[in-house]
Amino acid sequence: MTGEVIQKLRALTGAGVMECKRALDDTQGDIEAAVRLIHERGLVKAEKKQGRTTGSGLVESYIHNERVGVLLELRSETDFVARSAPFRELAHELAMQIAAMDPVDPDALSAQPYIKDDSMTVGELVKRAMAKLGENIKVMRFSRYEI
């Protein structure tokens, strides 16, 4: 595999160099199959992390058209991840999801189709973030207000 192909796969998935190289080796250089393989492996890793304690996190706020407001508590294992751009982006996406779909609790939120890609659920979106960031991530609670 060339470094260029590995870098392209890294850009598509956010996976490490060695993980990309292994996926490309396992798929005989097929980038699309390698992307699928990395996502599958990442979801398996995410499942293993779900029991770990989430002691850090952040509170995300979102207001839509000055009529709907959301406060979301999203937790991670470390402060390092809680301050990272991908974690903050996930928090924002989840707050927008809550504003748009009005789930009753975190379990209902997890089961909803993701508003930006209905081929996956919100739970799958969180698991992908867990695989990418390497930590357990949990929606603890949220409040939605509407006028």
Protein backbone atom coordinates (compact mmCIF):
# COMPACT_ATOMS: atom_id res chain seq x y z
CA MET A 1 0.00 0.00 0.00
CA THR A 2 1.22 3.47 -0.77
CA GLY A 3 1.31 6.18 1.85
CA GLU A 4 -1.09 8.22 -0.27
CA VAL A 5 -3.78 5.53 -0.14
CA ILE A 6 -3.31 5.09 3.60
CA GLN A 7 -3.62 8.86 4.14
CA LYS A 8 -6.81 8.94 2.04
CA LEU A 9 -8.30 6.18 4.18
CA ARG A 10 -7.24 8.02 7.35
CA ALA A 11 -8.97 11.16 6.10
CA LEU A 12 -12.16 9.20 5.42
CA THR A 13 -12.26 7.32 8.73
CA GLY A 14 -10.11 9.08 11.31
CA ALA A 15 -8.43 5.74 12.07
CA GLY A 16 -4.74 5.33 12.86
CA VAL A 17 -2.06 4.58 10.26
CA MET A 18 -1.59 0.94 11.29
CA GLU A 19 -5.34 0.30 11.45
CA CYS A 20 -5.71 1.74 7.94
CA LYS A 21 -2.81 -0.36 6.65
CA ARG A 22 -4.29 -3.55 8.17
CA ALA A 23 -7.74 -2.80 6.73
CA LEU A 24 -6.27 -2.17 3.27
CA ASP A 25 -4.23 -5.39 3.50
CA ASP A 26 -7.34 -7.33 4.59
CA THR A 27 -9.39 -5.94 1.68
CA GLN A 28 -6.64 -6.20 -0.98
CA GLY A 29 -6.51 -2.41 -1.36
CA ASP A 30 -10.26 -1.82 -1.82
CA ILE A 31 -10.81 1.55 -0.12
CA GLU A 32 -14.61 1.26 0.14
CA ALA A 33 -14.36 -2.19 1.73
CA ALA A 34 -11.59 -0.92 4.04
CA VAL A 35 -13.83 1.95 5.22
CA ARG A 36 -16.61 -0.54 6.01
CA LEU A 37 -14.15 -2.84 7.80
CA ILE A 38 -12.74 -0.02 9.93
CA HIS A 39 -16.26 1.07 10.93
CA GLU A 40 -17.19 -2.51 11.84
CA ARG A 41 -14.05 -2.96 13.92
CA GLY A 42 -14.61 0.42 15.56
CA LEU A 43 -18.17 -0.48 16.55
CA VAL A 44 -16.93 -3.69 18.18
CA LYS A 45 -14.36 -1.68 20.16
CA ALA A 46 -17.07 0.84 21.13
CA GLU A 47 -19.29 -1.94 22.49
CA LYS A 48 -16.47 -3.01 24.82
CA LYS A 49 -16.07 0.54 26.16
CA GLN A 50 -19.71 1.07 27.13
CA GLY A 51 -19.21 -0.17 30.69
CA ARG A 52 -16.43 2.27 31.52
CA THR A 53 -17.03 5.25 33.83
CA THR A 54 -17.70 8.65 32.29
CA GLY A 55 -16.33 11.19 34.73
CA SER A 56 -15.87 14.20 32.45
CA GLY A 57 -17.95 15.89 29.79
CA LEU A 58 -19.66 19.10 28.87
CA VAL A 59 -22.99 20.88 28.75
CA GLU A 60 -24.05 21.90 25.24
CA SER A 61 -26.72 24.50 24.59
CA TYR A 62 -28.56 25.00 21.33
CA ILE A 63 -31.29 27.44 20.37
CA HIS A 64 -33.24 27.05 17.13
CA ASN A 65 -35.05 30.09 15.68
CA GLU A 66 -35.44 31.57 19.16
CA ARG A 67 -38.32 29.13 19.73
CA VAL A 68 -36.70 25.82 20.73
CA GLY A 69 -33.88 25.49 23.25
CA VAL A 70 -31.88 22.46 24.34
CA LEU A 71 -29.45 21.82 27.20
CA LEU A 72 -27.53 18.56 26.88
CA GLU A 73 -25.15 16.84 29.31
CA LEU A 74 -22.76 14.65 27.30
CA ARG A 75 -20.17 12.63 29.23
CA SER A 76 -16.78 11.15 28.34
CA GLU A 77 -14.09 9.38 30.35
CA THR A 78 -11.48 12.15 30.28
CA ASP A 79 -11.35 15.92 30.14
CA PHE A 80 -8.97 15.63 27.18
CA VAL A 81 -11.70 14.06 25.03
CA ALA A 82 -14.41 16.35 26.41
CA ARG A 83 -12.45 19.36 25.12
CA SER A 84 -11.73 17.83 21.70
CA ALA A 85 -13.32 19.16 18.52
CA PRO A 86 -14.94 15.83 17.52
CA PHE A 87 -16.61 15.53 20.94
CA ARG A 88 -17.88 19.11 20.79
CA GLU A 89 -19.21 18.49 17.28
CA LEU A 90 -21.01 15.37 18.50
CA ALA A 91 -22.57 17.35 21.36
CA HIS A 92 -23.80 19.99 18.92
CA GLU A 93 -25.23 17.36 16.55
CA LEU A 94 -27.04 15.66 19.43
CA ALA A 95 -28.47 18.97 20.68
CA MET A 96 -29.81 19.71 17.17
CA GLN A 97 -31.29 16.19 17.03
CA ILE A 98 -33.07 16.77 20.34
CA ALA A 99 -34.41 20.13 19.15
CA ALA A 100 -35.74 18.62 15.94
CA MET A 101 -37.12 15.28 17.16
CA ASP A 102 -38.11 15.88 20.83
CA PRO A 103 -37.11 12.48 22.32
CA VAL A 104 -38.45 11.72 25.80
CA ASP A 105 -35.19 10.40 27.29
CA PRO A 106 -31.63 9.33 26.34
CA ASP A 107 -32.76 5.80 25.39
CA ALA A 108 -35.41 7.16 23.02
CA LEU A 109 -32.82 9.54 21.56
CA SER A 110 -30.43 6.66 20.93
CA ALA A 111 -33.10 4.72 19.03
CA GLN A 112 -34.09 7.61 16.74
CA PRO A 113 -32.91 7.81 13.12
CA TYR A 114 -30.18 10.44 12.83
CA ILE A 115 -31.65 13.56 11.18
CA LYS A 116 -28.64 14.13 8.89
CA ASP A 117 -28.34 10.48 7.78
CA ASP A 118 -31.40 8.29 8.31
CA SER A 119 -29.42 5.17 7.39
CA MET A 120 -28.08 5.19 10.98
CA THR A 121 -29.51 5.75 14.42
CA VAL A 122 -28.30 8.31 16.93
CA GLY A 123 -26.92 5.40 18.98
CA GLU A 124 -24.79 4.33 16.02
CA LEU A 125 -23.56 7.92 15.64
CA VAL A 126 -22.44 7.91 19.28
CA LYS A 127 -20.77 4.49 18.87
CA ARG A 128 -18.83 5.79 15.86
CA ALA A 129 -17.64 8.72 17.96
CA MET A 130 -16.64 6.28 20.71
CA ALA A 131 -14.62 4.26 18.21
CA LYS A 132 -12.95 7.38 16.84
CA LEU A 133 -12.18 8.97 20.22
CA GLY A 134 -11.36 5.75 22.06
CA GLU A 135 -13.56 6.42 25.08
CA ASN A 136 -17.00 5.67 26.41
CA ILE A 137 -19.45 8.47 25.59
CA LYS A 138 -22.85 8.75 27.20
CA VAL A 139 -25.80 11.11 26.95
CA MET A 140 -26.62 11.62 30.61
CA ARG A 141 -29.63 13.93 30.38
CA PHE A 142 -31.15 16.77 28.44
CA SER A 143 -33.91 19.35 28.59
CA ARG A 144 -35.85 20.73 25.63
CA TYR A 145 -37.89 23.90 25.80
CA GLU A 146 -40.29 25.11 23.14
CA ILE A 147 -42.45 28.19 22.78
